[in-house]
């Protein structure tokens, strides 16, 4: 039974790896320190939304054997709207991931520095090391090798954050209250948007559809794709919750990132907390440093009609460009925390657009036949689209208030 489950593990853990990056760790840490357990409901909402949207993305990949960007490019018949859609997707995902990659690598560097006790002078060296490791795994161009490497890192990361949360001995009643009592105010709106934006990641919808067609070729495999998606997203969401729970235990320490979280927990739990958190942060950084360029390459090749073979020259050219920029910006010491927080909010604003595209495609008989969205799937999809739109508008108004 267990062996059969492992055999049918697909891109789900890669999707989880993609959304639990240093940005997620940072936002969840700040949420826990600032608001305690009170925003766990936002993470629960994010997990449900991610399952609904990623299931649609996985179904699209298995049934159509195409990526989301490829389907959008071929299905939009009006030339003006086709160009507009391609430009929007390319600028949002490819350019966005290029900016994001520096944060992914810098997050991995923070983990290594906290783990080894090294100072900032080694930052450039650690950035290059993470870049080289990501380059080797991507250049091999073998989906199965990449899948195994990322699953190992995700398991490592999950255990690290889970153990840290258990060490804090949290109050279970308060956790349950935080999970099932929505708490919404002007003070926490940007944190709620960031939590949703860091979990329901637009580029994951493109990455998932492209990866499932590498793994599964038959419609009968759809049940495996669904199970894989649900298990991976739930586990990923639990990791995010563990970070919030760990951060909520900190008192009287200024925390701006996960490295500070390690310092804040040290007086309570000694060096163990530091080591577990550092390993978790390193794994979060390197997994996202691999998946962000990979997603950008799938999006660019799909939008522009190029081959999406992982060994093709143009596919490699895209991810090398993204990874190279990330290593460069991380090496010269760009302030990663500010970049990451900005990217999270930008992701939250972009989400309604991509969710709208996905819902439109999932209702096309010509693409999915009998596997198109049911009424219930459309109701859930519309609700998530509405929530994403509401949060996006609120965040724009909040930003204008701050100006």
Protein backbone atom coordinates (compact mmCIF):
# COMPACT_ATOMS: atom_id res chain seq x y z
CA UNK A 1 0.00 0.00 0.00
CA UNK A 2 2.71 2.50 1.09
CA UNK A 3 4.99 1.43 -1.78
CA UNK A 4 2.14 1.94 -4.24
CA UNK A 5 1.48 5.44 -2.79
CA UNK A 6 5.16 6.39 -3.15
CA UNK A 7 5.16 5.08 -6.72
CA UNK A 8 2.25 7.38 -7.56
CA UNK A 9 3.66 10.50 -5.91
CA UNK A 10 3.63 13.15 -8.60
CA UNK A 11 4.34 16.86 -8.78
CA UNK A 12 2.29 17.64 -5.64
CA UNK A 13 5.37 17.87 -3.37
CA UNK A 14 7.03 20.13 -5.99
CA UNK A 15 4.01 22.44 -5.80
CA UNK A 16 4.28 22.42 -2.00
CA UNK A 17 8.02 23.12 -2.33
CA UNK A 18 7.24 26.05 -4.60
CA UNK A 19 4.82 27.76 -2.21
CA UNK A 20 6.81 27.14 1.00
CA UNK A 21 9.70 29.43 0.17
CA UNK A 22 11.52 31.99 2.30
CA UNK A 23 8.63 34.38 1.61
CA UNK A 24 6.16 32.01 3.25
CA UNK A 25 8.51 31.46 6.19
CA UNK A 26 8.95 35.24 6.61
CA UNK A 27 5.23 36.12 6.32
CA UNK A 28 4.16 33.26 8.63
CA UNK A 29 6.85 34.27 11.15
CA UNK A 30 5.67 37.91 11.17
CA UNK A 31 2.03 36.75 11.39
CA UNK A 32 2.78 34.56 14.43
CA UNK A 33 4.86 37.19 16.23
CA UNK A 34 2.39 40.04 15.54
CA UNK A 35 -0.99 38.30 15.71
CA UNK A 36 -0.34 35.00 17.54
CA UNK A 37 -2.73 32.21 16.46
CA UNK A 38 -5.51 34.60 15.37
CA UNK A 39 -4.72 34.41 11.62
CA UNK A 40 -4.56 30.62 11.35
CA UNK A 41 -8.02 30.84 9.73
CA UNK A 42 -6.44 32.74 6.79
CA UNK A 43 -3.98 29.88 6.30
CA UNK A 44 -6.83 27.33 6.44
CA UNK A 45 -8.74 29.35 3.82
CA UNK A 46 -5.58 29.49 1.69
CA UNK A 47 -5.17 25.69 1.85
CA UNK A 48 -8.77 25.08 0.70
CA UNK A 49 -8.37 27.62 -2.13
CA UNK A 50 -5.06 26.06 -3.19
CA UNK A 51 -6.56 22.54 -3.30
CA UNK A 52 -9.50 23.70 -5.46
CA UNK A 53 -7.34 25.66 -7.95
CA UNK A 54 -4.45 23.16 -8.10
CA UNK A 55 -6.90 20.28 -8.71
CA UNK A 56 -8.20 22.21 -11.73
CA UNK A 57 -4.65 22.82 -12.92
CA UNK A 58 -3.70 19.14 -12.49
CA UNK A 59 -6.88 18.00 -14.29
CA UNK A 60 -6.11 20.33 -17.18
CA UNK A 61 -2.58 18.89 -17.51
CA UNK A 62 -3.64 15.23 -17.34
CA UNK A 63 -6.63 15.51 -19.71
CA UNK A 64 -5.34 18.01 -22.29
CA UNK A 65 -1.63 17.04 -22.01
CA UNK A 66 -0.87 20.78 -22.29
CA UNK A 67 0.33 23.48 -19.91
CA UNK A 68 -1.98 26.32 -18.81
CA UNK A 69 -0.08 29.03 -20.75
CA UNK A 70 -0.15 26.83 -23.88
CA UNK A 71 -3.94 26.34 -23.56
CA UNK A 72 -4.54 30.07 -23.05
CA UNK A 73 -2.40 30.88 -26.12
CA UNK A 74 -4.23 28.38 -28.34
CA UNK A 75 -7.78 28.92 -27.01
CA UNK A 76 -8.00 32.74 -27.15
CA UNK A 77 -9.02 33.47 -30.73
CA UNK A 78 -9.10 37.29 -30.64
CA UNK A 79 -5.56 38.51 -31.58
CA UNK A 80 -5.71 41.58 -29.30
CA UNK A 81 -6.79 39.60 -26.22
CA UNK A 82 -4.31 36.84 -27.05
CA UNK A 83 -1.37 39.30 -27.11
CA UNK A 84 -2.69 41.04 -23.96
CA UNK A 85 -3.00 37.71 -22.09
CA UNK A 86 0.47 36.54 -23.16
CA UNK A 87 2.10 39.87 -22.19
CA UNK A 88 0.31 39.90 -18.80
CA UNK A 89 1.27 36.31 -18.01
CA UNK A 90 4.87 36.69 -19.19
CA UNK A 91 5.41 39.93 -17.26
CA UNK A 92 3.71 38.67 -14.11
CA UNK A 93 5.27 35.20 -13.94
CA UNK A 94 8.62 35.45 -15.72
CA UNK A 95 9.64 38.95 -14.59
CA UNK A 96 8.03 38.37 -11.17
CA UNK A 97 9.96 35.13 -10.66
CA UNK A 98 13.21 36.84 -11.66
CA UNK A 99 12.71 39.37 -8.85
CA UNK A 100 11.54 36.62 -6.53
CA UNK A 101 14.52 34.35 -7.15
CA UNK A 102 16.91 36.64 -5.27
CA UNK A 103 14.66 36.26 -2.22
CA UNK A 104 14.59 32.46 -2.60
CA UNK A 105 18.39 32.22 -2.72
CA UNK A 106 18.84 34.81 0.05
CA UNK A 107 16.45 32.79 2.22
CA UNK A 108 18.55 29.67 1.71
CA UNK A 109 21.65 31.75 2.58
CA UNK A 110 19.99 32.96 5.83
CA UNK A 111 19.43 29.32 6.76
CA UNK A 112 23.04 28.34 6.04
CA UNK A 113 24.40 31.36 7.93
CA UNK A 114 22.27 30.59 10.99
CA UNK A 115 23.23 26.90 10.79
CA UNK A 116 26.99 27.44 10.43
CA UNK A 117 27.25 30.61 12.50
CA UNK A 118 29.02 32.32 9.59
CA UNK A 119 28.81 36.07 9.03
CA UNK A 120 27.62 38.14 6.08
CA UNK A 121 31.08 38.01 4.44
CA UNK A 122 30.30 34.47 3.24
CA UNK A 123 26.89 35.45 1.84
CA UNK A 124 28.08 35.66 -1.79
CA UNK A 125 29.77 32.26 -1.51
CA UNK A 126 26.60 30.64 -0.11
CA UNK A 127 24.51 32.30 -2.87
CA UNK A 128 26.77 30.84 -5.57
CA UNK A 129 26.72 27.41 -3.89
CA UNK A 130 22.90 27.33 -3.83
CA UNK A 131 22.85 28.62 -7.44
CA UNK A 132 25.23 25.87 -8.59
CA UNK A 133 23.19 23.17 -6.82
CA UNK A 134 19.94 24.45 -8.41
CA UNK A 135 21.69 24.70 -11.81
CA UNK A 136 22.93 21.08 -11.69
CA UNK A 137 19.49 19.68 -10.76
CA UNK A 138 17.74 21.73 -13.47
CA UNK A 139 20.38 21.05 -16.14
CA UNK A 140 20.10 17.28 -15.71
CA UNK A 141 16.66 17.85 -17.26
CA UNK A 142 15.24 14.63 -15.83
CA UNK A 143 11.87 15.09 -14.17
CA UNK A 144 12.25 11.99 -11.96
CA UNK A 145 15.64 13.09 -10.58
CA UNK A 146 14.26 16.57 -9.86
CA UNK A 147 11.15 15.10 -8.23
CA UNK A 148 13.15 12.82 -5.90
CA UNK A 149 15.56 15.62 -4.87
CA UNK A 150 12.71 18.03 -4.08
CA UNK A 151 10.64 15.42 -2.19
CA UNK A 152 13.67 14.76 0.04
CA UNK A 153 14.11 18.49 0.73
CA UNK A 154 10.37 18.98 1.39
CA UNK A 155 10.34 16.10 3.91
CA UNK A 156 13.42 17.60 5.61
CA UNK A 157 11.78 21.04 5.74
CA UNK A 158 8.45 19.68 7.01
CA UNK A 159 10.08 17.75 9.85
CA UNK A 160 12.23 20.75 10.82
CA UNK A 161 9.26 23.11 11.22
CA UNK A 162 6.96 20.46 12.76
CA UNK A 163 9.51 19.62 15.49
CA UNK A 164 10.03 23.34 16.18
CA UNK A 165 6.26 23.88 16.61
CA UNK A 166 5.96 20.87 18.97
CA UNK A 167 8.88 22.22 21.05
CA UNK A 168 6.92 25.42 21.78
CA UNK A 169 4.13 23.36 23.50
CA UNK A 170 1.27 25.51 22.09
CA UNK A 171 -2.23 25.80 23.59
CA UNK A 172 -4.44 23.54 21.40
CA UNK A 173 -7.65 25.36 22.37
CA UNK A 174 -6.22 28.69 21.15
CA UNK A 175 -5.02 27.02 17.93
CA UNK A 176 -8.53 25.65 17.22
CA UNK A 177 -10.02 29.08 17.98
CA UNK A 178 -7.56 30.72 15.57
CA UNK A 179 -8.37 28.17 12.86
CA UNK A 180 -12.15 28.48 12.95
CA UNK A 181 -12.78 32.08 14.08
CA UNK A 182 -12.15 34.53 11.23
CA UNK A 183 -10.66 37.75 12.58
CA UNK A 184 -10.53 40.59 10.06
CA UNK A 185 -9.46 44.19 10.74
CA UNK A 186 -7.54 47.13 9.24
CA UNK A 187 -4.57 46.12 11.39
CA UNK A 188 -4.22 42.62 9.93
CA UNK A 189 -5.54 43.04 6.36
CA UNK A 190 -2.08 43.22 4.72
CA UNK A 191 -0.91 40.16 6.68
CA UNK A 192 -4.04 38.23 5.57
CA UNK A 193 -3.37 39.21 1.93
CA UNK A 194 0.28 38.18 2.28
CA UNK A 195 -0.69 34.79 3.82
CA UNK A 196 -3.14 34.10 0.97
CA UNK A 197 -0.67 35.41 -1.63
CA UNK A 198 2.20 33.27 -0.35
CA UNK A 199 0.12 30.05 -0.40
CA UNK A 200 -2.16 30.39 -3.45
CA UNK A 201 0.75 31.16 -5.77
CA UNK A 202 -0.25 32.03 -9.37
CA UNK A 203 2.86 30.51 -10.97
CA UNK A 204 2.07 27.16 -9.28
CA UNK A 205 -1.05 26.86 -11.45
CA UNK A 206 1.17 26.95 -14.54
CA UNK A 207 3.88 24.72 -13.02
CA UNK A 208 1.39 22.04 -11.91
CA UNK A 209 -0.38 21.67 -15.27
CA UNK A 210 3.00 21.37 -17.03
CA UNK A 211 4.45 18.84 -14.58
CA UNK A 212 1.47 16.45 -14.37
CA UNK A 213 1.72 15.78 -18.11
CA UNK A 214 5.34 14.70 -17.55
CA UNK A 215 4.17 12.20 -14.93
CA UNK A 216 0.78 10.97 -16.17
CA UNK A 217 -0.39 10.37 -19.75
CA UNK A 218 -3.82 8.69 -19.33
CA UNK A 219 -7.19 9.98 -18.13
CA UNK A 220 -7.35 6.99 -15.74
CA UNK A 221 -4.41 8.57 -13.86
CA UNK A 222 -6.56 11.55 -12.81
CA UNK A 223 -7.39 9.90 -9.45
CA UNK A 224 -3.66 9.71 -8.63
CA UNK A 225 -3.16 13.36 -9.61
CA UNK A 226 -6.02 14.44 -7.34
CA UNK A 227 -4.80 12.42 -4.34
CA UNK A 228 -1.24 13.69 -4.90
CA UNK A 229 -2.47 17.31 -4.99
CA UNK A 230 -4.62 17.11 -1.84
CA UNK A 231 -1.98 15.32 0.31
CA UNK A 232 0.86 17.65 -0.75
CA UNK A 233 -1.11 20.90 -0.31
CA UNK A 234 -2.47 19.85 3.11
CA UNK A 235 1.05 18.92 4.28
CA UNK A 236 2.43 22.19 2.88
CA UNK A 237 -0.28 24.15 4.68
CA UNK A 238 0.51 22.35 7.93
CA UNK A 239 4.16 23.41 7.58
CA UNK A 240 3.05 27.05 7.22
CA UNK A 241 0.83 26.69 10.29
CA UNK A 242 3.74 25.19 12.25
CA UNK A 243 5.80 28.30 11.47
CA UNK A 244 2.98 30.60 12.70
CA UNK A 245 2.64 28.49 15.88
CA UNK A 246 6.43 28.56 16.49
CA UNK A 247 6.59 32.35 16.00
CA UNK A 248 3.64 32.93 18.35
CA UNK A 249 5.76 31.56 21.22
CA UNK A 250 8.23 34.47 20.97
CA UNK A 251 7.97 37.29 23.47
CA UNK A 252 9.85 40.61 23.65
CA UNK A 253 12.15 39.95 20.67
CA UNK A 254 12.07 41.96 17.44
CA UNK A 255 11.58 39.51 14.57
CA UNK A 256 11.82 40.42 10.88
CA UNK A 257 12.79 37.05 9.37
CA UNK A 258 13.16 33.35 10.16
CA UNK A 259 16.79 33.76 11.29
CA UNK A 260 15.49 36.14 14.00
CA UNK A 261 12.84 33.50 14.81
CA UNK A 262 15.69 31.05 15.53
CA UNK A 263 17.32 33.60 17.88
CA UNK A 264 13.99 34.32 19.59
CA UNK A 265 13.37 30.64 20.36
CA UNK A 266 16.96 29.96 21.49
CA UNK A 267 16.51 31.18 25.11
CA UNK A 268 13.57 28.76 25.48
CA UNK A 269 14.89 25.69 23.69
CA UNK A 270 18.66 26.17 23.33
CA UNK A 271 20.53 25.50 20.09
CA UNK A 272 18.06 22.82 18.96
CA UNK A 273 15.51 25.40 17.80
CA UNK A 274 18.21 27.23 15.85
CA UNK A 275 19.33 24.09 14.04
CA UNK A 276 15.84 22.86 13.17
CA UNK A 277 14.76 26.29 11.91
CA UNK A 278 17.98 26.83 9.95
CA UNK A 279 17.60 23.49 8.17
CA UNK A 280 13.95 24.31 7.42
CA UNK A 281 14.81 27.74 6.04
CA UNK A 282 17.66 26.38 3.90
CA UNK A 283 15.38 23.67 2.45
CA UNK A 284 12.60 26.24 1.82
CA UNK A 285 15.09 28.51 0.02
CA UNK A 286 16.65 25.89 -2.22
CA UNK A 287 13.38 24.18 -3.21
CA UNK A 288 11.88 27.52 -4.27
CA UNK A 289 15.17 28.49 -5.97
CA UNK A 290 14.65 25.43 -8.19
CA UNK A 291 10.88 25.62 -8.78
CA UNK A 292 10.67 29.38 -9.58
CA UNK A 293 13.00 29.23 -12.65
CA UNK A 294 11.33 25.94 -13.69
CA UNK A 295 7.85 27.53 -13.56
CA UNK A 296 9.09 30.59 -15.49
CA UNK A 297 10.55 28.33 -18.20
CA UNK A 298 7.26 26.41 -18.59
CA UNK A 299 5.26 29.66 -18.74
CA UNK A 300 7.58 31.34 -21.28
CA UNK A 301 7.80 28.30 -23.58
CA UNK A 302 4.01 27.76 -23.39
CA UNK A 303 3.19 31.42 -24.12
CA UNK A 304 5.67 31.73 -26.99
CA UNK A 305 4.97 28.34 -28.59
CA UNK A 306 8.46 26.93 -27.90
CA UNK A 307 9.26 23.35 -26.94
CA UNK A 308 8.66 22.64 -23.24
CA UNK A 309 11.14 19.76 -23.22
CA UNK A 310 13.33 20.28 -20.15
CA UNK A 311 16.46 19.65 -22.26
CA UNK A 312 15.58 22.05 -25.09
CA UNK A 313 17.87 25.08 -25.57
CA UNK A 314 15.15 27.77 -25.21
CA UNK A 315 13.66 26.11 -22.11
CA UNK A 316 17.12 26.07 -20.50
CA UNK A 317 17.79 29.65 -21.61
CA UNK A 318 14.78 30.93 -19.61
CA UNK A 319 15.61 29.19 -16.32
CA UNK A 320 19.33 30.01 -16.61
CA UNK A 321 18.39 33.71 -17.00
CA UNK A 322 16.09 33.64 -13.92
CA UNK A 323 18.56 31.66 -11.80
CA UNK A 324 21.49 33.86 -12.88
CA UNK A 325 19.66 37.06 -11.91
CA UNK A 326 18.73 35.53 -8.56
CA UNK A 327 22.34 34.56 -7.76
CA UNK A 328 23.58 38.01 -8.85
CA UNK A 329 21.09 40.03 -6.77
CA UNK A 330 21.50 37.73 -3.77
CA UNK A 331 25.33 37.95 -3.98
CA UNK A 332 25.43 41.75 -4.03
CA UNK A 333 23.29 41.85 -0.90
CA UNK A 334 19.89 43.05 -2.10
CA UNK A 335 17.56 43.43 0.91
CA UNK A 336 15.67 40.16 0.52
CA UNK A 337 12.96 40.70 3.17
CA UNK A 338 11.56 43.83 1.49
CA UNK A 339 11.61 42.14 -1.94
CA UNK A 340 9.88 39.05 -0.57
CA UNK A 341 7.12 41.00 1.21
CA UNK A 342 6.47 43.11 -1.89
CA UNK A 343 6.35 39.97 -4.08
CA UNK A 344 3.85 38.29 -1.71
CA UNK A 345 1.41 41.23 -1.96
CA UNK A 346 1.93 41.41 -5.76
CA UNK A 347 1.08 37.70 -5.94
CA UNK A 348 -2.14 38.35 -4.02
CA UNK A 349 -3.13 41.05 -6.53
CA UNK A 350 -2.25 38.87 -9.52
CA UNK A 351 -4.24 35.88 -8.28
CA UNK A 352 -7.75 36.99 -9.41
CA UNK A 353 -6.48 37.42 -12.97
CA UNK A 354 -4.88 33.96 -13.20
CA UNK A 355 -7.80 32.29 -11.34
CA UNK A 356 -10.17 33.90 -13.86
CA UNK A 357 -8.12 32.54 -16.77
CA UNK A 358 -8.13 29.05 -15.21
CA UNK A 359 -11.90 29.04 -14.56
CA UNK A 360 -12.54 30.10 -18.14
CA UNK A 361 -10.34 27.32 -19.55
CA UNK A 362 -11.80 24.67 -17.20
CA UNK A 363 -15.28 25.25 -18.68
CA UNK A 364 -14.23 24.70 -22.31
CA UNK A 365 -15.68 21.48 -23.71
CA UNK A 366 -13.19 21.65 -26.60
CA UNK A 367 -10.27 21.34 -24.16
CA UNK A 368 -11.57 18.98 -21.46
CA UNK A 369 -14.62 17.24 -22.91
CA UNK A 370 -16.54 15.43 -20.13
CA UNK A 371 -13.83 16.39 -17.61
CA UNK A 372 -14.73 20.08 -17.65
CA UNK A 373 -15.79 21.75 -14.39
CA UNK A 374 -18.98 20.56 -12.69
CA UNK A 375 -21.44 23.04 -11.17
CA UNK A 376 -19.98 22.46 -7.66
CA UNK A 377 -16.41 23.00 -8.92
CA UNK A 378 -17.52 26.24 -10.58
CA UNK A 379 -19.24 27.42 -7.37
CA UNK A 380 -16.05 26.81 -5.34
CA UNK A 381 -13.95 28.38 -8.09
CA UNK A 382 -16.18 31.47 -8.24
CA UNK A 383 -16.07 31.84 -4.43
CA UNK A 384 -12.25 31.69 -4.45
CA UNK A 385 -12.13 34.15 -7.37
CA UNK A 386 -14.42 36.50 -5.39
CA UNK A 387 -12.29 36.24 -2.22
CA UNK A 388 -9.09 36.85 -4.23
CA UNK A 389 -10.67 39.87 -5.92
CA UNK A 390 -11.93 41.28 -2.60
CA UNK A 391 -8.51 40.91 -0.94
CA UNK A 392 -6.82 42.46 -3.99
CA UNK A 393 -9.08 45.53 -3.95
CA UNK A 394 -8.68 45.89 -0.16
CA UNK A 395 -4.89 45.80 -0.47
CA UNK A 396 -4.90 48.49 -3.19
CA UNK A 397 -7.11 50.73 -1.03
CA UNK A 398 -4.87 50.06 1.99
CA UNK A 399 -1.76 51.05 0.00
CA UNK A 400 -3.49 54.30 -1.15
CA UNK A 401 -4.38 55.04 2.50
CA UNK A 402 -0.71 54.72 3.41
CA UNK A 403 0.44 57.14 0.67
